[in-house]
Amino acid sequence: MSGSIVTLNVGGHFYTTARSTLTRYPDSMLGAMLIGDLETLQDDQGRYFIDRDGTLFRHVLNFLRTNQLVIPEDFKELPLLEMEADFYQIQPLIEAISSYKARLAPGDLGAHDVIFVHSDSLHYCNKPDVVASSNEVDDMVKCLMDALDEDDDKRGNLAILLKWIQDKGFSLHGYTASADERGYAREQSLVLVRKNAQNSTDN
């Protein structure tokens, strides 16, 4: 894999780009991986394999190509993208996301409660990664997850957790899933949204 063109398999999504793009920031995880300072995995075709969100990686790669964070105005997965930036250890991207969040108007953040859920399987998981838009919502989700853990018949059942969240007034706003080499769903990311109480009383 010493060529100038590299193909990555990121959670079942394939990206082909220049080695120089991926090593733009040598101190990043991708830089270390391509330089050889980090142990790597390969898929059955010999491509670098990264077990992360393949859909969100397009934003990571675009940043590496342009050194600019360009995302849609209605982008709902900013906390998840922030998690990806932390994973890849791309400090300029982390700073760009922080700057973008600081520019958001208060109304953009306050209109809805948002929960991002990332699971390593379709139905059952140890504990999903959960990012909430407020401490209050985060506490609510933690209580639901604790209640799930207390029931042996329900422990780890993601479908039940999602139903409980929806019973709290949340609706599914976005969904992505990656598949393994056989085409079976392997992990998924979900965005659940509800109008927050303060905004509801104002209207």
N, C-alpha and C. Protein backbone atom coordinates (compact mmCIF):
# COMPACT_ATOMS: atom_id res chain seq x y z
N MET A 1 0.82 -1.20 0.00
CA MET A 1 0.00 0.00 0.00
C MET A 1 0.86 1.25 0.00
N SER A 2 1.89 1.24 -0.77
CA SER A 2 2.81 2.37 -0.79
C SER A 2 2.51 3.32 -1.93
N GLY A 3 1.43 3.06 -2.74
CA GLY A 3 1.12 3.90 -3.87
C GLY A 3 0.58 5.25 -3.46
N SER A 4 0.44 6.14 -4.45
CA SER A 4 -0.01 7.49 -4.17
C SER A 4 -1.53 7.58 -4.07
N ILE A 5 -2.25 6.54 -4.53
CA ILE A 5 -3.70 6.49 -4.44
C ILE A 5 -4.10 5.42 -3.42
N VAL A 6 -5.03 5.77 -2.54
CA VAL A 6 -5.43 4.87 -1.46
C VAL A 6 -6.94 4.71 -1.46
N THR A 7 -7.41 3.49 -1.29
CA THR A 7 -8.84 3.23 -1.13
C THR A 7 -9.10 2.76 0.29
N LEU A 8 -10.05 3.42 0.95
CA LEU A 8 -10.42 3.08 2.32
C LEU A 8 -11.79 2.43 2.35
N ASN A 9 -11.96 1.50 3.25
CA ASN A 9 -13.26 0.92 3.55
C ASN A 9 -13.63 1.42 4.94
N VAL A 10 -14.53 2.41 4.98
CA VAL A 10 -14.94 2.99 6.25
C VAL A 10 -16.36 2.52 6.56
N GLY A 11 -16.47 1.55 7.44
CA GLY A 11 -17.78 1.03 7.81
C GLY A 11 -18.61 0.54 6.65
N GLY A 12 -17.95 -0.02 5.63
CA GLY A 12 -18.67 -0.53 4.47
C GLY A 12 -18.83 0.46 3.34
N HIS A 13 -18.36 1.70 3.52
CA HIS A 13 -18.37 2.72 2.48
C HIS A 13 -16.94 2.87 1.95
N PHE A 14 -16.80 2.98 0.64
CA PHE A 14 -15.48 3.00 0.03
C PHE A 14 -15.12 4.40 -0.46
N TYR A 15 -13.91 4.84 -0.14
CA TYR A 15 -13.41 6.15 -0.53
C TYR A 15 -12.02 5.99 -1.15
N THR A 16 -11.83 6.60 -2.31
CA THR A 16 -10.53 6.59 -2.98
C THR A 16 -10.00 8.02 -3.01
N THR A 17 -8.79 8.20 -2.55
CA THR A 17 -8.22 9.54 -2.47
C THR A 17 -6.71 9.45 -2.53
N ALA A 18 -6.07 10.60 -2.55
CA ALA A 18 -4.61 10.64 -2.60
C ALA A 18 -4.02 10.40 -1.21
N ARG A 19 -2.92 9.68 -1.18
CA ARG A 19 -2.23 9.46 0.09
C ARG A 19 -1.87 10.79 0.74
N SER A 20 -1.50 11.76 -0.07
CA SER A 20 -1.12 13.07 0.47
C SER A 20 -2.29 13.76 1.17
N THR A 21 -3.52 13.47 0.72
CA THR A 21 -4.70 14.03 1.38
C THR A 21 -4.85 13.46 2.78
N LEU A 22 -4.71 12.16 2.90
CA LEU A 22 -4.89 11.49 4.19
C LEU A 22 -3.77 11.82 5.18
N THR A 23 -2.60 12.18 4.66
CA THR A 23 -1.47 12.50 5.53
C THR A 23 -1.28 14.01 5.66
N ARG A 24 -2.32 14.76 5.32
CA ARG A 24 -2.23 16.23 5.40
C ARG A 24 -1.85 16.67 6.81
N TYR A 25 -2.40 15.98 7.80
CA TYR A 25 -2.06 16.26 9.20
C TYR A 25 -1.39 15.01 9.76
N PRO A 26 -0.07 14.97 9.74
CA PRO A 26 0.68 13.76 10.14
C PRO A 26 0.41 13.30 11.56
N ASP A 27 0.01 14.24 12.43
CA ASP A 27 -0.24 13.87 13.83
C ASP A 27 -1.62 13.25 14.03
N SER A 28 -2.44 13.24 12.98
CA SER A 28 -3.78 12.67 13.10
C SER A 28 -3.72 11.15 13.05
N MET A 29 -4.83 10.51 13.38
CA MET A 29 -4.90 9.05 13.33
C MET A 29 -4.66 8.56 11.91
N LEU A 30 -5.26 9.24 10.91
CA LEU A 30 -5.08 8.83 9.52
C LEU A 30 -3.64 9.01 9.08
N GLY A 31 -3.02 10.11 9.51
CA GLY A 31 -1.63 10.34 9.18
C GLY A 31 -0.74 9.25 9.73
N ALA A 32 -0.97 8.90 11.01
CA ALA A 32 -0.18 7.84 11.64
C ALA A 32 -0.42 6.50 10.96
N MET A 33 -1.65 6.26 10.53
CA MET A 33 -1.99 5.00 9.88
C MET A 33 -1.26 4.86 8.55
N LEU A 34 -1.25 5.93 7.76
CA LEU A 34 -0.62 5.87 6.44
C LEU A 34 0.90 5.88 6.53
N ILE A 35 1.44 6.55 7.53
CA ILE A 35 2.88 6.60 7.70
C ILE A 35 3.41 5.26 8.20
N GLY A 36 2.56 4.49 8.87
CA GLY A 36 2.97 3.19 9.38
C GLY A 36 3.20 3.15 10.87
N ASP A 37 2.82 4.25 11.55
CA ASP A 37 3.02 4.30 13.00
C ASP A 37 1.86 3.69 13.77
N LEU A 38 0.82 3.25 13.07
CA LEU A 38 -0.37 2.72 13.72
C LEU A 38 -0.75 1.39 13.08
N GLU A 39 -1.06 0.42 13.91
CA GLU A 39 -1.48 -0.88 13.39
C GLU A 39 -2.78 -0.74 12.62
N THR A 40 -2.89 -1.38 11.46
CA THR A 40 -4.06 -1.22 10.61
C THR A 40 -4.76 -2.55 10.37
N LEU A 41 -6.04 -2.44 9.98
CA LEU A 41 -6.83 -3.59 9.56
C LEU A 41 -7.05 -3.51 8.06
N GLN A 42 -7.23 -4.65 7.41
CA GLN A 42 -7.52 -4.68 5.98
C GLN A 42 -8.75 -5.54 5.74
N ASP A 43 -9.55 -5.15 4.72
CA ASP A 43 -10.68 -5.99 4.35
C ASP A 43 -10.20 -7.09 3.40
N ASP A 44 -11.13 -7.87 2.87
CA ASP A 44 -10.72 -9.02 2.06
C ASP A 44 -10.16 -8.63 0.69
N GLN A 45 -10.24 -7.34 0.35
CA GLN A 45 -9.65 -6.85 -0.89
C GLN A 45 -8.33 -6.11 -0.66
N GLY A 46 -7.86 -6.12 0.58
CA GLY A 46 -6.60 -5.47 0.89
C GLY A 46 -6.70 -3.98 1.14
N ARG A 47 -7.93 -3.46 1.24
CA ARG A 47 -8.12 -2.04 1.51
C ARG A 47 -8.01 -1.77 3.00
N TYR A 48 -7.52 -0.58 3.35
CA TYR A 48 -7.53 -0.18 4.75
C TYR A 48 -8.98 -0.22 5.25
N PHE A 49 -9.19 -0.83 6.42
CA PHE A 49 -10.53 -0.89 6.99
C PHE A 49 -10.57 -0.08 8.28
N ILE A 50 -11.56 0.82 8.37
CA ILE A 50 -11.77 1.63 9.57
C ILE A 50 -13.20 1.41 10.03
N ASP A 51 -13.36 0.95 11.24
CA ASP A 51 -14.68 0.60 11.76
C ASP A 51 -15.37 1.82 12.36
N ARG A 52 -15.75 2.75 11.47
CA ARG A 52 -16.42 3.98 11.89
C ARG A 52 -17.58 4.29 10.95
N ASP A 53 -18.24 5.42 11.18
CA ASP A 53 -19.40 5.82 10.39
C ASP A 53 -18.96 6.21 8.98
N GLY A 54 -19.31 5.37 8.01
CA GLY A 54 -18.88 5.61 6.63
C GLY A 54 -19.55 6.79 5.98
N THR A 55 -20.78 7.10 6.37
CA THR A 55 -21.49 8.23 5.78
C THR A 55 -20.86 9.55 6.22
N LEU A 56 -20.58 9.68 7.49
CA LEU A 56 -20.00 10.92 8.01
C LEU A 56 -18.56 11.13 7.54
N PHE A 57 -17.89 10.06 7.13
CA PHE A 57 -16.49 10.20 6.72
C PHE A 57 -16.35 11.11 5.50
N ARG A 58 -17.40 11.25 4.69
CA ARG A 58 -17.31 12.15 3.54
C ARG A 58 -16.99 13.57 3.98
N HIS A 59 -17.52 13.99 5.14
CA HIS A 59 -17.24 15.34 5.64
C HIS A 59 -15.81 15.43 6.16
N VAL A 60 -15.33 14.36 6.76
CA VAL A 60 -13.94 14.32 7.22
C VAL A 60 -13.00 14.42 6.03
N LEU A 61 -13.27 13.64 4.98
CA LEU A 61 -12.41 13.63 3.80
C LEU A 61 -12.47 14.96 3.07
N ASN A 62 -13.66 15.56 2.97
CA ASN A 62 -13.77 16.86 2.31
C ASN A 62 -12.95 17.91 3.05
N PHE A 63 -12.93 17.82 4.38
CA PHE A 63 -12.11 18.76 5.15
C PHE A 63 -10.63 18.55 4.85
N LEU A 64 -10.21 17.31 4.77
CA LEU A 64 -8.81 17.03 4.45
C LEU A 64 -8.44 17.55 3.07
N ARG A 65 -9.39 17.52 2.15
CA ARG A 65 -9.12 17.97 0.79
C ARG A 65 -9.07 19.49 0.68
N THR A 66 -9.93 20.18 1.43
CA THR A 66 -10.10 21.62 1.24
C THR A 66 -9.66 22.46 2.43
N ASN A 67 -9.47 21.81 3.59
CA ASN A 67 -9.18 22.51 4.83
C ASN A 67 -10.32 23.45 5.22
N GLN A 68 -11.53 23.12 4.78
CA GLN A 68 -12.72 23.90 5.13
C GLN A 68 -13.83 22.95 5.57
N LEU A 69 -14.61 23.38 6.56
CA LEU A 69 -15.77 22.61 7.01
C LEU A 69 -16.98 23.13 6.26
N VAL A 70 -17.50 22.34 5.34
CA VAL A 70 -18.67 22.72 4.54
C VAL A 70 -19.75 21.66 4.77
N ILE A 71 -20.80 22.05 5.47
CA ILE A 71 -21.90 21.13 5.76
C ILE A 71 -23.22 21.85 5.48
N PRO A 72 -24.29 21.11 5.19
CA PRO A 72 -25.58 21.74 4.89
C PRO A 72 -26.11 22.56 6.06
N GLU A 73 -26.94 23.56 5.77
CA GLU A 73 -27.49 24.40 6.82
C GLU A 73 -28.37 23.60 7.78
N ASP A 74 -29.04 22.58 7.27
CA ASP A 74 -29.93 21.78 8.11
C ASP A 74 -29.25 20.52 8.64
N PHE A 75 -27.92 20.54 8.72
CA PHE A 75 -27.16 19.37 9.16
C PHE A 75 -27.52 19.02 10.59
N LYS A 76 -27.94 17.77 10.82
CA LYS A 76 -28.45 17.36 12.14
C LYS A 76 -27.48 16.48 12.92
N GLU A 77 -26.33 16.17 12.34
CA GLU A 77 -25.45 15.19 12.96
C GLU A 77 -24.13 15.80 13.44
N LEU A 78 -24.18 17.08 13.82
CA LEU A 78 -22.95 17.75 14.24
C LEU A 78 -22.29 17.07 15.44
N PRO A 79 -23.04 16.67 16.48
CA PRO A 79 -22.37 15.96 17.59
C PRO A 79 -21.70 14.67 17.15
N LEU A 80 -22.33 13.95 16.21
CA LEU A 80 -21.70 12.72 15.71
C LEU A 80 -20.45 13.03 14.91
N LEU A 81 -20.50 14.10 14.10
CA LEU A 81 -19.31 14.49 13.34
C LEU A 81 -18.19 14.91 14.29
N GLU A 82 -18.57 15.55 15.37
CA GLU A 82 -17.57 15.95 16.38
C GLU A 82 -16.91 14.71 16.99
N MET A 83 -17.68 13.66 17.22
CA MET A 83 -17.12 12.41 17.72
C MET A 83 -16.15 11.80 16.72
N GLU A 84 -16.50 11.88 15.42
CA GLU A 84 -15.61 11.34 14.39
C GLU A 84 -14.31 12.15 14.33
N ALA A 85 -14.41 13.47 14.43
CA ALA A 85 -13.21 14.31 14.41
C ALA A 85 -12.29 13.97 15.57
N ASP A 86 -12.90 13.71 16.74
CA ASP A 86 -12.10 13.31 17.91
C ASP A 86 -11.43 11.97 17.66
N PHE A 87 -12.17 11.03 17.05
CA PHE A 87 -11.60 9.71 16.79
C PHE A 87 -10.40 9.80 15.85
N TYR A 88 -10.56 10.58 14.78
CA TYR A 88 -9.48 10.70 13.80
C TYR A 88 -8.36 11.65 14.25
N GLN A 89 -8.60 12.34 15.38
CA GLN A 89 -7.59 13.22 15.98
C GLN A 89 -7.11 14.28 14.99
N ILE A 90 -8.07 14.86 14.28
CA ILE A 90 -7.76 15.94 13.33
C ILE A 90 -8.05 17.26 14.04
N GLN A 91 -7.04 17.84 14.65
CA GLN A 91 -7.23 19.01 15.49
C GLN A 91 -7.84 20.19 14.74
N PRO A 92 -7.40 20.51 13.52
CA PRO A 92 -8.03 21.63 12.79
C PRO A 92 -9.52 21.40 12.54
N LEU A 93 -9.93 20.16 12.30
CA LEU A 93 -11.36 19.87 12.12
C LEU A 93 -12.11 20.03 13.44
N ILE A 94 -11.52 19.57 14.52
CA ILE A 94 -12.14 19.76 15.84
C ILE A 94 -12.36 21.24 16.11
N GLU A 95 -11.36 22.05 15.79
CA GLU A 95 -11.47 23.50 16.01
C GLU A 95 -12.49 24.12 15.08
N ALA A 96 -12.57 23.64 13.84
CA ALA A 96 -13.54 24.16 12.88
C ALA A 96 -14.97 23.87 13.34
N ILE A 97 -15.19 22.67 13.88
CA ILE A 97 -16.52 22.32 14.39
C ILE A 97 -16.87 23.18 15.59
N SER A 98 -15.92 23.40 16.48
CA SER A 98 -16.16 24.26 17.64
C SER A 98 -16.51 25.67 17.22
N SER A 99 -15.81 26.17 16.21
CA SER A 99 -16.09 27.51 15.68
C SER A 99 -17.48 27.56 15.05
N TYR A 100 -17.83 26.52 14.32
CA TYR A 100 -19.15 26.45 13.68
C TYR A 100 -20.26 26.46 14.74
N LYS A 101 -20.08 25.69 15.80
CA LYS A 101 -21.08 25.64 16.87
C LYS A 101 -21.23 27.00 17.54
N ALA A 102 -20.12 27.72 17.69
CA ALA A 102 -20.17 29.03 18.32
C ALA A 102 -20.93 30.05 17.48
N ARG A 103 -20.94 29.84 16.16
CA ARG A 103 -21.63 30.77 15.26
C ARG A 103 -23.13 30.50 15.17
N LEU A 104 -23.58 29.35 15.64
CA LEU A 104 -25.00 29.03 15.56
C LEU A 104 -25.80 29.98 16.44
N ALA A 105 -26.92 30.44 15.91
CA ALA A 105 -27.80 31.30 16.70
C ALA A 105 -28.43 30.49 17.82
N PRO A 106 -28.71 31.12 18.97
CA PRO A 106 -29.32 30.38 20.07
C PRO A 106 -30.60 29.66 19.67
N GLY A 107 -31.38 30.27 18.78
CA GLY A 107 -32.62 29.64 18.35
C GLY A 107 -32.39 28.34 17.63
N ASP A 108 -31.28 28.23 16.91
CA ASP A 108 -30.99 27.01 16.18
C ASP A 108 -30.76 25.84 17.14
N LEU A 109 -30.19 26.15 18.30
CA LEU A 109 -29.91 25.10 19.26
C LEU A 109 -31.09 24.84 20.19
N GLY A 110 -31.92 25.86 20.40
CA GLY A 110 -32.97 25.73 21.40
C GLY A 110 -34.30 25.25 20.90
N ALA A 111 -34.50 25.16 19.60
CA ALA A 111 -35.83 24.83 19.08
C ALA A 111 -36.22 23.38 19.33
N HIS A 112 -35.24 22.49 19.39
CA HIS A 112 -35.54 21.07 19.52
C HIS A 112 -34.58 20.38 20.49
N ASP A 113 -35.09 19.33 21.10
CA ASP A 113 -34.23 18.39 21.82
C ASP A 113 -33.79 17.34 20.82
N VAL A 114 -32.51 17.00 20.85
CA VAL A 114 -31.96 16.06 19.87
C VAL A 114 -31.17 14.98 20.59
N ILE A 115 -31.34 13.74 20.14
CA ILE A 115 -30.57 12.61 20.67
C ILE A 115 -29.93 11.90 19.49
N PHE A 116 -28.62 11.69 19.56
CA PHE A 116 -27.88 10.93 18.56
C PHE A 116 -27.49 9.59 19.19
N VAL A 117 -27.82 8.51 18.52
CA VAL A 117 -27.53 7.17 19.03
C VAL A 117 -26.70 6.42 18.00
N HIS A 118 -25.55 5.90 18.42
CA HIS A 118 -24.71 5.09 17.54
C HIS A 118 -24.53 3.73 18.18
N SER A 119 -24.94 2.68 17.46
CA SER A 119 -24.89 1.32 17.99
C SER A 119 -24.01 0.45 17.12
N ASP A 120 -23.36 -0.53 17.76
CA ASP A 120 -22.48 -1.43 17.02
C ASP A 120 -23.21 -2.64 16.45
N SER A 121 -24.53 -2.67 16.59
CA SER A 121 -25.29 -3.78 16.01
C SER A 121 -26.70 -3.30 15.70
N LEU A 122 -27.46 -4.14 15.01
CA LEU A 122 -28.79 -3.73 14.58
C LEU A 122 -29.81 -3.80 15.71
N HIS A 123 -29.75 -4.84 16.53
CA HIS A 123 -30.78 -5.02 17.55
C HIS A 123 -30.22 -5.01 18.97
N TYR A 124 -29.07 -5.64 19.18
CA TYR A 124 -28.53 -5.77 20.52
C TYR A 124 -27.14 -5.14 20.58
N CYS A 125 -26.81 -4.58 21.72
CA CYS A 125 -25.51 -3.93 21.86
C CYS A 125 -25.14 -3.92 23.34
N ASN A 126 -23.88 -3.66 23.64
CA ASN A 126 -23.47 -3.51 25.02
C ASN A 126 -24.06 -2.23 25.59
N LYS A 127 -23.57 -1.10 25.10
CA LYS A 127 -24.18 0.19 25.41
C LYS A 127 -23.93 1.09 24.22
N PRO A 128 -24.98 1.66 23.64
CA PRO A 128 -24.77 2.54 22.49
C PRO A 128 -24.10 3.84 22.92
N ASP A 129 -23.41 4.47 21.98
CA ASP A 129 -22.89 5.82 22.21
C ASP A 129 -24.05 6.79 22.04
N VAL A 130 -24.30 7.62 23.04
CA VAL A 130 -25.44 8.54 23.00
C VAL A 130 -24.93 9.95 23.24
N VAL A 131 -25.34 10.87 22.37
CA VAL A 131 -25.03 12.29 22.54
C VAL A 131 -26.35 13.04 22.56
N ALA A 132 -26.59 13.83 23.60
CA ALA A 132 -27.84 14.57 23.74
C ALA A 132 -27.58 16.07 23.66
N SER A 133 -28.64 16.82 23.30
CA SER A 133 -28.48 18.26 23.09
C SER A 133 -28.51 19.05 24.39
N SER A 134 -28.83 18.42 25.50
CA SER A 134 -28.85 19.12 26.78
C SER A 134 -28.59 18.12 27.90
N ASN A 135 -28.19 18.64 29.06
CA ASN A 135 -27.95 17.76 30.21
C ASN A 135 -29.24 17.07 30.65
N GLU A 136 -30.36 17.79 30.54
CA GLU A 136 -31.64 17.22 30.95
C GLU A 136 -32.00 16.01 30.10
N VAL A 137 -31.82 16.14 28.78
CA VAL A 137 -32.12 15.03 27.88
C VAL A 137 -31.13 13.89 28.10
N ASP A 138 -29.86 14.24 28.32
CA ASP A 138 -28.84 13.23 28.57
C ASP A 138 -29.19 12.42 29.82
N ASP A 139 -29.63 13.09 30.88
CA ASP A 139 -30.02 12.39 32.11
C ASP A 139 -31.21 11.47 31.87
N MET A 140 -32.15 11.94 31.04
CA MET A 140 -33.32 11.11 30.73
C MET A 140 -32.92 9.82 30.04
N VAL A 141 -32.00 9.93 29.06
CA VAL A 141 -31.56 8.74 28.32
C VAL A 141 -30.80 7.80 29.24
N LYS A 142 -29.96 8.35 30.11
CA LYS A 142 -29.20 7.51 31.05
C LYS A 142 -30.14 6.73 31.97
N CYS A 143 -31.22 7.38 32.41
CA CYS A 143 -32.20 6.69 33.26
C CYS A 143 -32.85 5.53 32.51
N LEU A 144 -33.18 5.77 31.24
CA LEU A 144 -33.78 4.72 30.43
C LEU A 144 -32.81 3.55 30.23
N MET A 145 -31.55 3.87 29.98
CA MET A 145 -30.55 2.82 29.78
C MET A 145 -30.31 2.04 31.06
N ASP A 146 -30.33 2.73 32.21
CA ASP A 146 -30.17 2.04 33.49
C ASP A 146 -31.35 1.10 33.74
N ALA A 147 -32.56 1.56 33.39
CA ALA A 147 -33.74 0.72 33.57
C ALA A 147 -33.67 -0.52 32.68
N LEU A 148 -33.11 -0.33 31.49
CA LEU A 148 -32.95 -1.45 30.56
C LEU A 148 -31.98 -2.48 31.13
N ASP A 149 -30.90 -2.00 31.73
CA ASP A 149 -29.88 -2.89 32.29
C ASP A 149 -30.40 -3.70 33.48
N GLU A 150 -31.41 -3.15 34.17
CA GLU A 150 -31.93 -3.82 35.36
C GLU A 150 -32.83 -5.00 35.02
N ASP A 151 -33.25 -5.10 33.77
CA ASP A 151 -34.15 -6.18 33.35
C ASP A 151 -33.36 -7.15 32.48
N ASP A 152 -33.14 -8.37 32.97
CA ASP A 152 -32.34 -9.35 32.24
C ASP A 152 -32.92 -9.66 30.87
N ASP A 153 -34.24 -9.61 30.74
CA ASP A 153 -34.89 -9.94 29.47
C ASP A 153 -34.77 -8.81 28.45
N LYS A 154 -34.45 -7.61 28.93
CA LYS A 154 -34.41 -6.45 28.03
C LYS A 154 -33.01 -5.88 27.86
N ARG A 155 -32.07 -6.32 28.69
CA ARG A 155 -30.73 -5.74 28.68
C ARG A 155 -30.12 -5.80 27.29
N GLY A 156 -29.64 -4.65 26.81
CA GLY A 156 -28.97 -4.58 25.52
C GLY A 156 -29.89 -4.52 24.33
N ASN A 157 -31.22 -4.53 24.55
CA ASN A 157 -32.16 -4.52 23.43
C ASN A 157 -32.35 -3.09 22.96
N LEU A 158 -31.72 -2.76 21.84
CA LEU A 158 -31.75 -1.39 21.33
C LEU A 158 -33.15 -0.99 20.90
N ALA A 159 -33.91 -1.93 20.34
CA ALA A 159 -35.26 -1.62 19.87
C ALA A 159 -36.15 -1.13 21.01
N ILE A 160 -36.01 -1.76 22.19
CA ILE A 160 -36.80 -1.33 23.34
C ILE A 160 -36.37 0.05 23.80
N LEU A 161 -35.05 0.30 23.83
CA LEU A 161 -34.56 1.61 24.22
C LEU A 161 -35.12 2.70 23.30
N LEU A 162 -35.10 2.45 21.99
CA LEU A 162 -35.60 3.44 21.04
C LEU A 162 -37.10 3.66 21.23
N LYS A 163 -37.84 2.59 21.52
CA LYS A 163 -39.28 2.74 21.76
C LYS A 163 -39.52 3.60 22.99
N TRP A 164 -38.75 3.38 24.04
CA TRP A 164 -38.91 4.18 25.25
C TRP A 164 -38.60 5.65 24.98
N ILE A 165 -37.57 5.91 24.17
CA ILE A 165 -37.24 7.29 23.82
C ILE A 165 -38.38 7.92 23.03
N GLN A 166 -38.94 7.16 22.09
CA GLN A 166 -40.05 7.69 21.30
C GLN A 166 -41.29 7.92 22.17
N ASP A 167 -41.47 7.11 23.21
CA ASP A 167 -42.58 7.31 24.14
C ASP A 167 -42.44 8.64 24.89
N LYS A 168 -41.22 9.18 24.93
CA LYS A 168 -40.98 10.48 25.57
C LYS A 168 -41.23 11.64 24.61
N GLY A 169 -41.76 11.35 23.43
CA GLY A 169 -42.11 12.41 22.49
C GLY A 169 -41.14 12.61 21.36
N PHE A 170 -40.10 11.78 21.28
CA PHE A 170 -39.12 11.90 20.21
C PHE A 170 -39.57 11.12 18.98
N SER A 171 -39.21 11.62 17.81
CA SER A 171 -39.48 10.91 16.56
C SER A 171 -38.17 10.73 15.80
N LEU A 172 -38.11 9.67 15.00
CA LEU A 172 -36.90 9.37 14.24
C LEU A 172 -36.75 10.39 13.13
N HIS A 173 -35.60 11.08 13.11
CA HIS A 173 -35.36 12.14 12.13
C HIS A 173 -34.34 11.72 11.07
N GLY A 174 -33.41 10.85 11.44
CA GLY A 174 -32.38 10.42 10.50
C GLY A 174 -31.86 9.05 10.87
N TYR A 175 -31.43 8.29 9.86
CA TYR A 175 -30.96 6.93 10.12
C TYR A 175 -29.93 6.55 9.06
N THR A 176 -28.80 6.01 9.49
CA THR A 176 -27.81 5.44 8.58
C THR A 176 -27.34 4.11 9.16
N ALA A 177 -26.99 3.18 8.28
CA ALA A 177 -26.49 1.88 8.73
C ALA A 177 -25.40 1.43 7.78
N SER A 178 -24.42 0.74 8.31
CA SER A 178 -23.37 0.16 7.48
C SER A 178 -23.52 -1.35 7.49
N ALA A 179 -22.98 -1.99 6.46
CA ALA A 179 -23.13 -3.44 6.33
C ALA A 179 -21.77 -4.10 6.28
N ASP A 180 -21.75 -5.39 6.66
CA ASP A 180 -20.52 -6.15 6.53
C ASP A 180 -20.38 -6.66 5.10
N GLU A 181 -19.33 -7.45 4.86
CA GLU A 181 -19.05 -7.89 3.50
C GLU A 181 -20.14 -8.79 2.93
N ARG A 182 -20.99 -9.34 3.79
CA ARG A 182 -22.10 -10.18 3.32
C ARG A 182 -23.38 -9.39 3.13
N GLY A 183 -23.34 -8.11 3.43
CA GLY A 183 -24.51 -7.27 3.23
C GLY A 183 -25.42 -7.16 4.44
N TYR A 184 -25.02 -7.76 5.57
CA TYR A 184 -25.84 -7.69 6.77
C TYR A 184 -25.54 -6.39 7.53
N ALA A 185 -26.60 -5.77 8.05
CA ALA A 185 -26.42 -4.55 8.83
C ALA A 185 -25.55 -4.83 10.04
N ARG A 186 -24.53 -4.00 10.24
CA ARG A 186 -23.56 -4.26 11.31
C ARG A 186 -23.60 -3.19 12.39
N GLU A 187 -23.82 -1.95 12.01
CA GLU A 187 -23.94 -0.89 12.99
C GLU A 187 -24.84 0.19 12.43
N GLN A 188 -25.34 1.05 13.30
CA GLN A 188 -26.28 2.04 12.83
C GLN A 188 -26.16 3.31 13.66
N SER A 189 -26.57 4.42 13.05
CA SER A 189 -26.63 5.71 13.72
C SER A 189 -28.03 6.28 13.52
N LEU A 190 -28.60 6.80 14.59
CA LEU A 190 -29.96 7.33 14.53
C LEU A 190 -30.00 8.72 15.14
N VAL A 191 -30.88 9.56 14.61
CA VAL A 191 -31.12 10.89 15.15
C VAL A 191 -32.60 10.98 15.52
N LEU A 192 -32.88 11.28 16.79
CA LEU A 192 -34.25 11.42 17.26
C LEU A 192 -34.47 12.85 17.74
N VAL A 193 -35.62 13.43 17.39
CA VAL A 193 -35.86 14.85 17.63
C VAL A 193 -37.25 15.04 18.23
N ARG A 194 -37.37 16.01 19.13
CA ARG A 194 -38.69 16.46 19.58
C ARG A 194 -38.61 17.96 19.84
N LYS A 195 -39.72 18.63 19.73
CA LYS A 195 -39.79 20.05 20.06
C LYS A 195 -39.64 20.18 21.56
N ASN A 196 -38.73 21.07 21.99
CA ASN A 196 -38.52 21.12 23.44
C ASN A 196 -39.66 21.86 24.13
N ALA A 197 -39.75 21.65 25.44
CA ALA A 197 -40.90 22.15 26.20
C ALA A 197 -41.00 23.66 26.17
N GLN A 198 -39.86 24.35 26.27
CA GLN A 198 -39.87 25.81 26.29
C GLN A 198 -40.40 26.35 24.98
N ASN A 199 -39.95 25.76 23.86
CA ASN A 199 -40.38 26.23 22.56
C ASN A 199 -41.87 25.95 22.35
N SER A 200 -42.37 24.82 22.89
CA SER A 200 -43.76 24.46 22.72
C SER A 200 -44.68 25.45 23.44
N THR A 201 -44.27 25.91 24.64
CA THR A 201 -45.11 26.83 25.40
C THR A 201 -45.10 28.22 24.82
N ASP A 202 -44.04 28.54 24.03
CA ASP A 202 -43.95 29.87 23.44
C ASP A 202 -44.86 30.00 22.24
N ASN A 203 -45.29 28.88 21.62
CA ASN A 203 -46.06 28.92 20.38
C ASN A 203 -47.53 28.58 20.65
